[in-house]
Amino acid sequence: MPPAIMAEGLVKKYGDVVALDGMDLSVPEGTVFGLLGPNGAGKTTAVRILTTLLKPDSGRATVAGFDVVADARRLRSHIGASGQYAAVDDHLTGAENLEMVGRLYHLGVKRSRQRARELLERFDLTEAGDRPVQGYSGGMRRRLDLAGALVAAPPVLFLDEPTTGLDPRARMSLWDVISELVADGTTVLLTTQYLEEADRLARAIAVVDHGRVIALGTADELKDQVGGDRIELTMTSAADLHTVRSALAPLAVGDMRADAATFQLTIPVSDGTASLTAALGHLAAEHVVVRDAGLRRPTLDEVFLTLTEHRTGEPVMTKEPTR
């Protein structure tokens, strides 16, 4: 089947600033695709082009089979979008907000009201549906905004950092809603700065920096790019860090990270258990006292930092205490 979202060589410039520099994307139907990157990486610009709000300077893209430039008018009835901030009218009730969206989609008065009640129930907002939105919590406003993006039951949904500013409970509630949508066949393109969010929801993840995709794969595949396992050692003093780093350098398959504030050293290795055993043996021979030692998989945070730091030329050997 053709991808639900496809982009080839998208370029967008604002004067001398290059927002997108030849971005390529391919998103299969019925999946969550994560777009991960720092502020200014080009995520939001890409979403605006894919939702017909901007025209690319070059390149092409299709969504739900429609060209985002040539078929922009027809495409808009096949997509939904929720931005970084809830786009709701505080002076209307929750139901009135959703009914207004339905009218804008030309669903008619009766169907708009019916659809509003369906979505209020689905997003657990029925009791608050007849109250003005100005009294809603942040999580409720976010759910209402996402409900608004689904009024026309679009096959493709764009979520641009949908859980920004939410507390952990509200964030997990939205994650459940997104998972339910995908289970029903919706395709979701999700931009986020929450690494746990991408790990939890996305089947595939593209790491974006300076307007280009610099890495692509599943969460596990991206983690394997920066080493399959991590040895974490905590020493009793900062003075031991240099000794330990030198002693264990032969075991590392990537850049080691030292944190002088916590006396901790993180070492990427290829054979976790055997490497941990060897590391402890080396340290015993050097008479280094280890407060704590453990083995774990890398996080997407580490993938993100490693990939983007290498791209910008920033050092990755030493971790500053404030990070």
Protein backbone atom coordinates (compact mmCIF):
# COMPACT_ATOMS: atom_id res chain seq x y z
CA MET A 1 0.00 0.00 0.00
CA PRO A 2 1.23 3.55 -0.66
CA PRO A 3 2.34 5.47 2.44
CA ALA A 4 -0.23 7.64 4.18
CA ILE A 5 2.35 10.44 4.33
CA MET A 6 5.21 10.82 1.88
CA ALA A 7 7.73 13.65 1.52
CA GLU A 8 10.62 13.87 -0.90
CA GLY A 9 13.32 16.54 -0.73
CA LEU A 10 11.25 19.19 1.07
CA VAL A 11 13.03 22.54 1.24
CA LYS A 12 11.78 25.66 3.01
CA LYS A 13 13.75 28.85 3.57
CA TYR A 14 13.00 32.05 5.43
CA GLY A 15 15.50 34.48 3.98
CA ASP A 16 18.92 33.12 4.87
CA VAL A 17 17.47 30.65 7.37
CA VAL A 18 17.00 27.11 6.04
CA ALA A 19 14.11 25.53 7.96
CA LEU A 20 13.95 22.37 5.84
CA ASP A 21 16.94 21.15 3.87
CA GLY A 22 15.75 18.25 1.72
CA MET A 23 13.57 16.35 4.22
CA ASP A 24 12.34 12.88 3.25
CA LEU A 25 9.57 11.01 5.09
CA SER A 26 7.47 7.90 4.53
CA VAL A 27 4.72 6.99 7.01
CA PRO A 28 2.76 3.71 6.62
CA GLU A 29 -1.01 3.73 7.12
CA GLY A 30 -2.37 2.98 10.58
CA THR A 31 0.84 3.76 12.48
CA VAL A 32 2.30 6.44 14.73
CA PHE A 33 5.37 8.06 13.23
CA GLY A 34 7.50 10.10 15.62
CA LEU A 35 9.32 13.23 14.49
CA LEU A 36 11.96 14.01 17.08
CA GLY A 37 14.30 16.98 17.20
CA PRO A 38 15.46 20.07 19.11
CA ASN A 39 13.78 23.46 18.88
CA GLY A 40 14.35 24.91 15.43
CA ALA A 41 15.07 21.53 13.84
CA GLY A 42 12.24 21.93 11.30
CA LYS A 43 9.53 19.74 12.84
CA THR A 44 6.78 22.35 12.94
CA THR A 45 7.68 23.67 9.48
CA ALA A 46 7.33 20.13 8.11
CA VAL A 47 3.92 19.75 9.76
CA ARG A 48 2.73 23.07 8.36
CA ILE A 49 3.70 22.01 4.84
CA LEU A 50 2.06 18.60 5.21
CA THR A 51 -1.15 20.23 6.48
CA THR A 52 -1.21 22.74 3.55
CA LEU A 53 -0.51 25.78 5.74
CA LEU A 54 2.82 26.44 3.98
CA LYS A 55 4.11 25.75 0.49
CA PRO A 56 7.56 24.21 0.14
CA ASP A 57 10.18 26.03 -1.89
CA SER A 58 11.02 22.72 -3.56
CA GLY A 59 10.34 19.03 -3.17
CA ARG A 60 6.97 17.32 -3.05
CA ALA A 61 4.70 15.65 -0.52
CA THR A 62 1.48 13.68 -0.50
CA VAL A 63 -0.90 12.96 2.36
CA ALA A 64 -3.73 10.42 2.08
CA GLY A 65 -2.94 10.26 -1.64
CA PHE A 66 -3.30 14.02 -2.23
CA ASP A 67 -0.51 16.36 -3.26
CA VAL A 68 -0.13 18.97 -0.50
CA VAL A 69 0.15 21.81 -3.04
CA ALA A 70 -1.85 20.79 -6.10
CA ASP A 71 -4.66 19.09 -4.13
CA ALA A 72 -4.56 21.24 -0.99
CA ARG A 73 -8.29 22.05 -0.94
CA ARG A 74 -9.37 18.40 -1.25
CA LEU A 75 -6.72 17.22 1.21
CA ARG A 76 -7.96 19.41 4.06
CA SER A 77 -11.10 17.33 4.54
CA HIS A 78 -8.94 14.21 5.00
CA ILE A 79 -6.65 15.45 7.78
CA GLY A 80 -6.87 16.68 11.34
CA ALA A 81 -4.30 18.67 13.27
CA SER A 82 -3.63 19.62 16.87
CA GLY A 83 -0.91 22.18 17.53
CA GLN A 84 1.33 22.96 20.47
CA TYR A 85 -1.38 25.06 22.10
CA ALA A 86 -5.04 24.13 22.43
CA ALA A 87 -7.00 26.01 19.75
CA VAL A 88 -10.30 26.31 21.58
CA ASP A 89 -12.65 29.22 22.28
CA ASP A 90 -12.76 29.93 26.01
CA HIS A 91 -16.17 31.61 25.81
CA LEU A 92 -17.90 28.63 24.21
CA THR A 93 -18.76 25.36 25.92
CA GLY A 94 -16.91 22.20 25.01
CA ALA A 95 -19.89 21.01 22.96
CA GLU A 96 -20.18 24.35 21.16
CA ASN A 97 -16.49 24.26 20.24
CA LEU A 98 -16.89 20.87 18.61
CA GLU A 99 -20.17 21.81 16.92
CA MET A 100 -18.46 24.87 15.43
CA VAL A 101 -15.73 22.68 13.95
CA GLY A 102 -18.37 20.37 12.49
CA ARG A 103 -20.13 23.32 10.84
CA LEU A 104 -16.81 24.48 9.37
CA TYR A 105 -16.44 21.00 7.86
CA HIS A 106 -19.97 21.39 6.40
CA LEU A 107 -21.35 18.46 8.38
CA GLY A 108 -24.64 20.23 8.96
CA VAL A 109 -26.27 21.23 12.27
CA LYS A 110 -27.67 17.83 13.24
CA ARG A 111 -24.55 15.81 12.39
CA SER A 112 -22.27 18.39 14.03
CA ARG A 113 -24.19 18.14 17.31
CA GLN A 114 -24.23 14.35 17.13
CA ARG A 115 -20.50 14.21 16.42
CA ALA A 116 -19.78 16.64 19.28
CA ARG A 117 -21.56 14.40 21.79
CA GLU A 118 -19.79 11.30 20.45
CA LEU A 119 -16.40 12.92 20.92
CA LEU A 120 -17.18 14.38 24.34
CA GLU A 121 -18.00 10.86 25.48
CA ARG A 122 -14.91 9.34 23.85
CA PHE A 123 -12.61 11.89 25.51
CA ASP A 124 -14.30 11.64 28.91
CA LEU A 125 -15.64 15.21 28.70
CA THR A 126 -19.37 14.53 28.79
CA GLU A 127 -19.92 16.08 32.25
CA ALA A 128 -17.95 19.19 31.28
CA GLY A 129 -19.38 19.44 27.77
CA ASP A 130 -21.92 22.15 28.60
CA ARG A 131 -19.51 24.28 30.63
CA PRO A 132 -17.47 27.18 29.21
CA VAL A 133 -13.97 26.05 28.27
CA GLN A 134 -12.37 28.84 30.32
CA GLY A 135 -12.98 26.67 33.38
CA TYR A 136 -11.26 23.58 31.93
CA SER A 137 -7.95 22.26 33.22
CA GLY A 138 -4.95 22.02 30.89
CA GLY A 139 -5.52 18.32 30.33
CA MET A 140 -9.20 18.85 29.53
CA ARG A 141 -8.39 21.61 27.06
CA ARG A 142 -5.86 19.34 25.36
CA ARG A 143 -8.41 16.52 25.05
CA LEU A 144 -10.98 18.93 23.64
CA ASP A 145 -8.47 20.24 21.10
CA LEU A 146 -7.67 16.70 20.00
CA ALA A 147 -11.39 15.93 19.78
CA GLY A 148 -11.77 18.95 17.50
CA ALA A 149 -9.13 17.50 15.17
CA LEU A 150 -11.24 14.33 14.90
CA VAL A 151 -14.65 15.85 14.18
CA ALA A 152 -14.47 14.92 10.50
CA ALA A 153 -13.01 11.46 11.31
CA PRO A 154 -9.85 12.11 9.25
CA PRO A 155 -7.68 9.15 8.23
CA VAL A 156 -4.50 11.14 8.94
CA LEU A 157 -3.84 13.12 12.11
CA PHE A 158 -0.98 15.54 12.82
CA LEU A 159 -0.08 16.14 16.44
CA ASP A 160 2.53 18.87 17.00
CA GLU A 161 3.85 18.40 20.55
CA PRO A 162 0.35 17.59 21.85
CA THR A 163 1.31 16.99 25.49
CA THR A 164 3.48 20.09 26.06
CA GLY A 165 2.88 21.46 29.54
CA LEU A 166 0.69 18.60 30.75
CA ASP A 167 1.25 16.81 34.03
CA PRO A 168 2.22 13.11 33.87
CA ARG A 169 -1.32 11.85 34.49
CA ALA A 170 -2.84 14.01 31.73
CA ARG A 171 -0.02 13.05 29.38
CA MET A 172 -0.60 9.34 29.89
CA SER A 173 -4.34 9.84 29.36
CA LEU A 174 -3.66 11.41 25.97
CA TRP A 175 -1.27 8.59 25.11
CA ASP A 176 -4.11 6.13 25.68
CA VAL A 177 -6.38 8.12 23.37
CA ILE A 178 -3.74 8.23 20.62
CA SER A 179 -3.20 4.47 20.92
CA GLU A 180 -6.94 3.87 20.56
CA LEU A 181 -7.09 6.04 17.43
CA VAL A 182 -4.28 4.10 15.77
CA ALA A 183 -5.91 0.80 16.72
CA ASP A 184 -8.97 2.04 14.78
CA GLY A 185 -6.83 2.69 11.68
CA THR A 186 -5.84 6.35 12.01
CA THR A 187 -2.35 7.36 10.87
CA VAL A 188 -0.62 9.75 13.27
CA LEU A 189 2.42 11.93 12.70
CA LEU A 190 3.62 13.01 16.13
CA THR A 191 6.23 15.68 16.82
CA THR A 192 7.51 15.69 20.36
CA GLN A 193 10.39 16.59 22.63
CA TYR A 194 9.38 13.97 25.17
CA LEU A 195 11.60 10.99 24.42
CA GLU A 196 9.44 8.66 26.52
CA GLU A 197 6.44 9.68 24.43
CA ALA A 198 8.11 8.66 21.17
CA ASP A 199 9.37 5.43 22.75
CA ARG A 200 5.89 4.56 24.00
CA LEU A 201 3.80 5.47 20.94
CA ALA A 202 5.80 5.46 17.72
CA ARG A 203 6.44 2.42 15.54
CA ALA A 204 9.12 4.38 13.66
CA ILE A 205 11.02 7.52 14.66
CA ALA A 206 12.87 10.08 12.54
CA VAL A 207 15.44 12.23 14.33
CA VAL A 208 15.51 15.66 12.70
CA ASP A 209 18.25 18.28 12.96
CA HIS A 210 18.92 21.35 10.83
CA GLY A 211 15.98 20.52 8.59
CA ARG A 212 17.11 17.01 7.64
CA VAL A 213 16.40 13.49 8.85
CA ILE A 214 19.68 12.35 10.42
CA ALA A 215 18.47 8.97 11.72
CA LEU A 216 15.47 6.75 11.10
CA GLY A 217 14.24 3.50 12.62
CA THR A 218 12.36 1.89 15.45
CA ALA A 219 13.23 2.90 19.00
CA ASP A 220 15.35 -0.25 19.40
CA GLU A 221 17.14 0.32 16.10
CA LEU A 222 18.02 3.88 17.07
CA LYS A 223 19.27 2.70 20.44
CA ASP A 224 21.47 0.12 18.73
CA GLN A 225 23.10 2.92 16.72
CA VAL A 226 24.67 4.32 19.87
CA GLY A 227 25.50 0.95 21.45
CA GLY A 228 23.26 -1.89 22.53
CA ASP A 229 23.98 -1.76 26.26
CA ARG A 230 25.27 0.71 28.82
CA ILE A 231 27.45 0.08 31.85
CA GLU A 232 26.75 2.67 34.52
CA LEU A 233 29.37 3.08 37.25
CA THR A 234 29.26 5.41 40.23
CA MET A 235 32.53 6.11 41.99
CA THR A 236 33.20 7.56 45.42
CA SER A 237 35.07 10.64 44.12
CA ALA A 238 35.61 12.68 40.97
CA ALA A 239 39.31 11.82 41.06
CA ASP A 240 38.48 8.21 40.16
CA LEU A 241 36.74 9.19 36.91
CA HIS A 242 39.95 9.69 34.90
CA THR A 243 41.44 6.42 36.17
CA VAL A 244 38.28 4.47 35.39
CA ARG A 245 37.86 6.05 31.95
CA SER A 246 41.42 5.09 30.96
CA ALA A 247 41.10 1.57 32.37
CA LEU A 248 37.81 0.81 30.62
CA ALA A 249 38.40 2.58 27.29
CA PRO A 250 39.11 -0.76 25.50
CA LEU A 251 35.62 -2.00 26.38
CA ALA A 252 33.76 1.03 24.97
CA VAL A 253 32.13 0.87 21.53
CA GLY A 254 31.20 4.55 21.53
CA ASP A 255 31.67 7.76 23.47
CA MET A 256 31.82 7.48 27.24
CA ARG A 257 29.95 10.08 29.30
CA ALA A 258 31.28 11.30 32.62
CA ASP A 259 29.33 13.40 35.11
CA ALA A 260 31.71 15.04 37.58
CA ALA A 261 28.83 16.17 39.79
CA THR A 262 27.58 12.63 40.50
CA PHE A 263 30.88 10.75 39.97
CA GLN A 264 29.11 8.66 37.33
CA LEU A 265 30.53 7.16 34.13
CA THR A 266 28.39 5.68 31.35
CA ILE A 267 30.08 3.29 28.90
CA PRO A 268 28.45 1.91 25.72
CA VAL A 269 29.39 -1.75 25.20
CA SER A 270 28.55 -4.50 22.71
CA ASP A 271 28.29 -7.50 25.05
CA GLY A 272 26.61 -6.29 28.20
CA THR A 273 27.07 -9.04 30.79
CA ALA A 274 30.57 -10.04 29.69
CA SER A 275 31.66 -6.41 29.49
CA LEU A 276 30.32 -5.63 32.95
CA THR A 277 32.21 -8.60 34.40
CA ALA A 278 35.39 -7.49 32.63
CA ALA A 279 34.94 -3.89 33.78
CA LEU A 280 34.62 -4.85 37.42
CA GLY A 281 37.71 -7.04 37.07
CA HIS A 282 39.74 -4.14 35.64
CA LEU A 283 38.61 -1.83 38.42
CA ALA A 284 39.48 -4.36 41.10
CA ALA A 285 42.97 -4.61 39.60
CA GLU A 286 43.26 -0.80 39.74
CA HIS A 287 42.00 -0.81 43.38
CA VAL A 288 39.14 1.54 42.47
CA VAL A 289 36.18 1.49 44.84
CA VAL A 290 32.84 1.43 43.03
CA ARG A 291 29.78 2.68 44.88
CA ASP A 292 27.29 1.28 42.37
CA ALA A 293 27.42 -0.65 39.06
CA GLY A 294 24.67 -1.63 36.66
CA LEU A 295 23.80 -2.60 33.11
CA ARG A 296 20.95 -1.13 31.05
CA ARG A 297 19.76 -0.32 27.54
CA PRO A 298 20.30 3.22 26.23
CA THR A 299 17.39 5.62 26.40
CA LEU A 300 16.08 7.66 23.49
CA ASP A 301 17.40 10.70 25.35
CA GLU A 302 20.92 9.36 24.84
CA VAL A 303 20.21 8.56 21.20
CA PHE A 304 18.90 12.08 20.69
CA LEU A 305 21.83 13.76 22.45
CA THR A 306 24.46 11.62 20.75
CA LEU A 307 23.08 12.11 17.24
CA THR A 308 22.42 15.84 17.52
CA GLU A 309 25.67 16.61 19.37
CA HIS A 310 27.70 14.89 16.68
CA ARG A 311 25.84 16.91 14.05
CA THR A 312 26.53 20.25 15.75
CA GLY A 313 30.11 19.42 16.67
CA GLU A 314 29.51 19.69 20.40
CA PRO A 315 31.59 17.47 22.68
CA VAL A 316 29.96 14.25 23.85
CA MET A 317 32.71 12.93 26.13
CA THR A 318 31.87 14.94 29.21
CA LYS A 319 28.46 15.72 30.57
CA GLU A 320 28.08 19.06 32.29
CA PRO A 321 26.47 18.94 35.76
CA THR A 322 23.65 21.27 34.65
CA ARG A 323 22.42 18.98 31.86
